[in-house]
N, C-alpha and C. Protein backbone atom coordinates (compact mmCIF):
# COMPACT_ATOMS: atom_id res chain seq x y z
N MET A 1 60.15 66.23 189.86
CA MET A 1 60.00 64.96 189.28
C MET A 1 60.48 63.74 190.27
N ASN A 2 59.72 62.49 190.21
CA ASN A 2 60.56 61.75 191.14
C ASN A 2 61.33 60.67 190.20
N ARG A 3 62.04 59.85 191.32
CA ARG A 3 62.78 58.67 190.53
C ARG A 3 62.23 57.90 189.37
N ASN A 4 61.02 57.66 189.56
CA ASN A 4 60.21 56.77 188.70
C ASN A 4 59.64 57.53 187.42
N GLN A 5 60.20 58.62 187.36
CA GLN A 5 59.69 59.57 186.19
C GLN A 5 60.75 60.29 185.49
N VAL A 6 60.72 60.50 184.11
CA VAL A 6 61.79 60.82 183.50
C VAL A 6 61.33 61.40 182.16
N VAL A 7 61.90 62.59 181.78
CA VAL A 7 61.49 62.97 180.55
C VAL A 7 62.66 62.68 179.21
N VAL A 8 61.95 62.17 178.27
CA VAL A 8 62.86 61.76 177.11
C VAL A 8 62.23 62.18 175.83
N HIS A 9 63.12 63.05 175.08
CA HIS A 9 62.79 63.59 174.05
C HIS A 9 62.90 62.55 172.84
N GLY A 10 62.20 62.80 172.03
CA GLY A 10 62.33 61.70 170.78
C GLY A 10 61.34 62.45 169.34
N ARG A 11 61.10 61.35 168.74
CA ARG A 11 60.27 61.77 167.36
C ARG A 11 59.17 60.78 167.27
N LEU A 12 57.87 61.22 166.76
CA LEU A 12 56.89 60.26 166.35
C LEU A 12 57.01 60.35 165.13
N LYS A 13 57.08 58.88 164.55
CA LYS A 13 57.59 58.58 163.21
C LYS A 13 55.77 58.46 162.58
N PRO A 14 55.56 58.64 161.12
CA PRO A 14 54.51 58.46 160.45
C PRO A 14 54.06 57.18 160.58
N ASP A 15 54.44 56.06 161.00
CA ASP A 15 53.91 54.82 160.80
C ASP A 15 53.09 54.76 162.70
N GLY A 16 53.40 55.77 163.38
CA GLY A 16 52.99 55.67 164.72
C GLY A 16 54.01 55.34 165.74
N THR A 17 55.27 54.83 165.52
CA THR A 17 56.49 54.34 166.36
C THR A 17 57.02 55.63 167.01
N LEU A 18 57.77 55.40 167.91
CA LEU A 18 58.38 56.47 168.48
C LEU A 18 59.88 56.13 168.44
N GLU A 19 60.81 57.24 168.19
CA GLU A 19 62.20 57.01 168.18
C GLU A 19 62.66 57.98 169.22
N LEU A 20 63.19 57.30 170.32
CA LEU A 20 63.79 58.35 171.51
C LEU A 20 65.21 58.69 171.30
N ASP A 21 65.59 60.15 171.57
CA ASP A 21 66.93 60.50 171.50
C ASP A 21 67.70 59.81 172.55
N SER A 22 67.45 59.22 173.47
CA SER A 22 68.18 58.46 174.22
C SER A 22 67.59 57.55 175.29
N LYS A 23 68.31 56.44 175.65
CA LYS A 23 67.83 55.30 176.65
C LYS A 23 67.14 55.99 177.98
N PRO A 24 65.90 55.55 178.50
CA PRO A 24 65.28 56.26 179.74
C PRO A 24 66.30 55.43 180.69
N PRO A 25 66.44 56.23 181.64
CA PRO A 25 67.37 55.79 182.92
C PRO A 25 66.21 54.97 183.96
N LEU A 26 65.39 54.05 183.44
CA LEU A 26 64.65 53.39 184.32
C LEU A 26 64.71 52.06 184.20
N PRO A 27 64.22 51.33 185.24
CA PRO A 27 64.37 49.69 185.13
C PRO A 27 63.32 49.23 184.03
N GLU A 28 63.80 47.84 183.86
CA GLU A 28 62.87 47.17 182.83
C GLU A 28 61.56 47.08 183.57
N GLY A 29 60.26 47.06 182.57
CA GLY A 29 58.99 46.81 183.17
C GLY A 29 58.08 47.84 182.73
N PRO A 30 56.89 47.66 183.02
CA PRO A 30 55.87 48.34 182.41
C PRO A 30 56.01 49.85 182.77
N VAL A 31 55.61 50.76 181.87
CA VAL A 31 55.68 52.11 181.88
C VAL A 31 54.54 52.89 181.35
N GLU A 32 54.09 54.10 181.48
CA GLU A 32 53.19 54.82 180.99
C GLU A 32 53.56 55.79 180.34
N ILE A 33 53.13 56.17 178.99
CA ILE A 33 53.95 57.09 178.18
C ILE A 33 52.86 58.18 177.85
N VAL A 34 53.38 59.42 178.11
CA VAL A 34 52.26 60.44 177.86
C VAL A 34 53.10 61.37 176.43
N ILE A 35 52.47 61.42 175.42
CA ILE A 35 53.09 62.05 174.19
C ILE A 35 52.37 63.56 174.16
N ARG A 36 53.42 64.56 174.36
CA ARG A 36 53.15 65.85 174.03
C ARG A 36 53.83 66.65 172.79
N SER A 37 53.19 67.06 171.91
CA SER A 37 54.01 67.70 170.82
C SER A 37 54.76 68.73 171.02
N VAL A 38 56.06 68.94 170.54
CA VAL A 38 56.89 69.96 170.90
C VAL A 38 57.17 70.90 169.62
N PRO A 39 57.01 72.09 169.56
CA PRO A 39 57.32 72.94 168.39
C PRO A 39 58.69 72.81 168.00
N GLU A 40 58.89 72.48 166.69
CA GLU A 40 60.19 72.53 166.20
C GLU A 40 60.79 73.79 166.11
N LEU A 41 62.20 74.01 166.38
CA LEU A 41 63.01 75.33 166.19
C LEU A 41 62.81 75.65 164.48
N GLN A 42 62.79 76.62 164.24
CA GLN A 42 62.76 77.08 162.51
C GLN A 42 64.22 77.41 162.54
N PRO A 43 65.09 76.90 161.55
CA PRO A 43 66.20 77.36 161.29
C PRO A 43 66.51 78.59 160.80
N ASP A 44 65.30 79.13 160.25
CA ASP A 44 65.44 80.44 159.46
C ASP A 44 64.75 81.58 160.64
N ALA A 45 64.33 81.10 161.63
CA ALA A 45 63.94 81.98 162.70
C ALA A 45 64.81 83.24 163.11
N GLU A 46 64.51 84.51 163.18
CA GLU A 46 65.56 85.66 163.58
C GLU A 46 65.92 85.51 164.75
N ASN A 47 67.31 85.62 165.03
CA ASN A 47 67.95 85.82 166.33
C ASN A 47 67.30 87.10 167.15
N TRP A 48 68.27 87.25 168.37
CA TRP A 48 67.64 88.42 169.17
C TRP A 48 68.17 89.79 168.56
N TRP A 49 69.50 89.76 167.72
CA TRP A 49 69.85 90.98 167.34
C TRP A 49 69.21 91.11 166.05
N GLU A 50 68.88 90.22 165.27
CA GLU A 50 68.04 90.35 164.19
C GLU A 50 66.45 91.04 164.46
N TYR A 51 66.14 90.41 165.55
CA TYR A 51 64.78 90.99 165.99
C TYR A 51 64.77 92.74 166.36
N LEU A 52 65.97 93.05 167.12
CA LEU A 52 66.08 94.10 167.62
C LEU A 52 66.30 95.27 166.29
N GLN A 53 66.89 94.91 165.12
CA GLN A 53 67.16 95.59 164.21
C GLN A 53 65.91 95.72 163.45
N ARG A 54 65.14 94.63 163.27
CA ARG A 54 63.77 94.90 162.69
C ARG A 54 62.86 95.69 163.36
N ALA A 55 62.90 95.54 164.76
CA ALA A 55 61.96 96.40 165.56
C ALA A 55 62.21 97.92 165.47
N ARG A 56 63.42 98.04 165.72
CA ARG A 56 63.81 99.73 165.22
C ARG A 56 63.58 100.02 163.76
N SER A 57 63.73 99.33 162.99
CA SER A 57 63.28 99.90 161.69
C SER A 57 61.70 100.08 161.52
N GLU A 58 61.10 98.97 162.00
CA GLU A 58 59.64 99.31 162.06
C GLU A 58 59.06 100.61 162.62
N LEU A 59 59.72 100.82 163.88
CA LEU A 59 59.29 102.07 164.75
C LEU A 59 59.74 103.05 164.17
N GLU A 60 61.12 103.41 163.30
CA GLU A 60 61.38 104.44 162.53
C GLU A 60 60.61 104.58 161.48
N ALA A 61 60.10 103.48 160.82
CA ALA A 61 59.09 103.64 159.53
C ALA A 61 57.80 104.25 160.09
N ALA A 62 57.38 103.93 161.31
CA ALA A 62 56.15 104.55 161.91
C ALA A 62 56.32 105.82 162.36
N GLY A 63 57.63 106.42 162.12
CA GLY A 63 57.65 107.89 162.77
C GLY A 63 58.28 108.18 163.78
N HIS A 64 58.47 106.96 164.81
CA HIS A 64 59.31 107.14 165.98
C HIS A 64 60.73 107.57 165.67
N ARG A 65 60.98 108.73 166.77
CA ARG A 65 62.35 109.20 166.66
C ARG A 65 62.94 108.95 167.95
N PHE A 66 64.34 108.31 167.65
CA PHE A 66 65.19 107.89 168.84
C PHE A 66 66.11 109.13 169.30
N ARG A 67 66.28 109.19 170.59
CA ARG A 67 67.35 110.42 170.99
C ARG A 67 68.80 110.14 170.35
N THR A 68 69.47 111.35 170.05
CA THR A 68 70.76 111.08 169.55
C THR A 68 71.75 111.05 170.87
N ARG A 69 72.72 110.74 170.40
CA ARG A 69 73.96 110.59 171.59
C ARG A 69 73.99 111.94 172.02
N GLU A 70 74.21 113.01 171.50
CA GLU A 70 74.13 114.32 171.91
C GLU A 70 73.00 114.73 173.03
N GLU A 71 71.79 113.96 172.56
CA GLU A 71 70.58 114.50 173.65
C GLU A 71 70.64 113.83 174.73
N ILE A 72 71.00 112.40 174.49
CA ILE A 72 71.60 111.59 175.99
C ILE A 72 72.54 112.29 176.80
N ASP A 73 73.51 112.58 176.18
CA ASP A 73 74.52 113.33 176.97
C ASP A 73 74.29 114.38 177.76
N ALA A 74 73.50 115.54 176.88
CA ALA A 74 72.88 116.65 177.43
C ALA A 74 72.20 116.37 178.73
N GLU A 75 71.14 115.33 178.78
CA GLU A 75 70.13 114.88 179.67
C GLU A 75 71.02 114.50 181.08
N ILE A 76 72.08 113.66 180.59
CA ILE A 76 73.02 113.20 181.87
C ILE A 76 73.66 114.33 182.50
N GLU A 77 74.29 115.20 181.78
CA GLU A 77 74.76 116.32 182.18
C GLU A 77 73.92 117.42 182.99
N GLN A 78 72.69 117.43 182.63
CA GLN A 78 71.37 118.22 183.28
C GLN A 78 70.98 117.63 184.59
N VAL A 79 71.05 116.28 184.60
CA VAL A 79 70.93 115.49 185.83
C VAL A 79 71.98 115.55 186.80
N ARG A 80 73.35 115.79 186.31
CA ARG A 80 74.55 115.91 187.30
C ARG A 80 74.67 117.26 187.77
N SER A 81 74.17 118.25 187.11
CA SER A 81 74.38 119.51 187.48
C SER A 81 73.26 119.82 188.66
N GLY A 82 72.20 119.01 188.45
CA GLY A 82 71.13 119.07 189.65
C GLY A 82 71.52 118.71 190.84
N ASP A 83 72.83 117.60 190.91
CA ASP A 83 73.48 117.17 192.01
C ASP A 83 74.55 118.18 192.65
N GLU A 84 75.24 118.69 191.55
CA GLU A 84 75.92 119.97 192.01
C GLU A 84 75.25 121.09 192.51
N ARG A 85 74.01 121.47 192.41
CA ARG A 85 73.19 122.56 193.00
C ARG A 85 73.01 122.06 194.31
N PHE A 86 72.40 120.83 194.28
CA PHE A 86 72.02 120.49 195.51
C PHE A 86 72.84 120.54 196.71
N GLU A 87 74.22 119.97 196.20
CA GLU A 87 75.51 119.81 196.96
C GLU A 87 75.81 121.33 197.45
N GLY A 88 75.74 122.37 196.73
CA GLY A 88 76.17 123.70 196.87
C GLY A 88 75.19 124.36 197.86
N GLU A 89 73.78 124.22 197.77
CA GLU A 89 72.86 124.48 198.59
C GLU A 89 72.92 124.09 200.27
N TYR A 90 73.25 122.68 200.21
CA TYR A 90 73.56 121.91 201.49
C TYR A 90 74.77 122.61 202.24
N ARG A 91 75.81 122.77 201.56
CA ARG A 91 77.15 123.43 201.97
C ARG A 91 76.69 124.79 202.54
N ARG A 92 76.00 125.54 201.78
CA ARG A 92 75.58 126.92 202.14
C ARG A 92 74.82 126.78 203.39
N GLY A 93 73.73 125.95 203.44
CA GLY A 93 73.18 125.95 204.77
C GLY A 93 73.96 125.27 205.85
N SER A 94 74.82 124.75 205.74
CA SER A 94 75.56 124.23 206.94
C SER A 94 76.43 125.18 207.54
N ARG A 95 76.91 126.16 206.59
CA ARG A 95 77.97 127.31 207.02
C ARG A 95 76.96 128.28 207.80
N GLN A 96 75.53 128.34 207.40
CA GLN A 96 74.50 129.40 208.14
C GLN A 96 74.13 128.98 209.32
N GLN A 97 74.20 127.56 209.79
CA GLN A 97 73.66 127.33 211.04
C GLN A 97 74.73 127.59 212.23
N PRO A 98 74.01 127.80 213.47
CA PRO A 98 75.13 128.13 214.31
C PRO A 98 75.62 127.01 215.13
N PRO A 99 76.84 126.96 215.63
CA PRO A 99 77.34 125.77 216.19
C PRO A 99 76.31 125.68 217.24
N GLU A 100 76.39 124.17 217.54
CA GLU A 100 75.33 123.44 218.68
C GLU A 100 75.90 123.71 220.08
N GLN A 101 75.37 123.94 221.01
CA GLN A 101 75.70 124.40 222.26
C GLN A 101 75.56 122.86 223.22
N GLY A 102 76.53 122.57 223.74
CA GLY A 102 76.40 121.28 224.39
C GLY A 102 76.67 121.32 225.76
């Protein structure tokens, strides 16, 4: 936006007049007005936590099964044990190589 253009929020009244939320920071003189409808926030709209709870309930009702803490812990342990096996193989291979001749 340039200095000669600002966005000011307000409300269109039933009689067609505009009520601005704040005074526009523009000098006195002719202006051009573009009116765009802005959706009002619904006070009863669910927040993000309520959305997550509802989404999970709907998934469970549809038969989706979420992993348990034990299943997640077992998967983490399996991944970690893979790292340990890799490290063991690396160490074993390092010991079997002959020293470099220089």
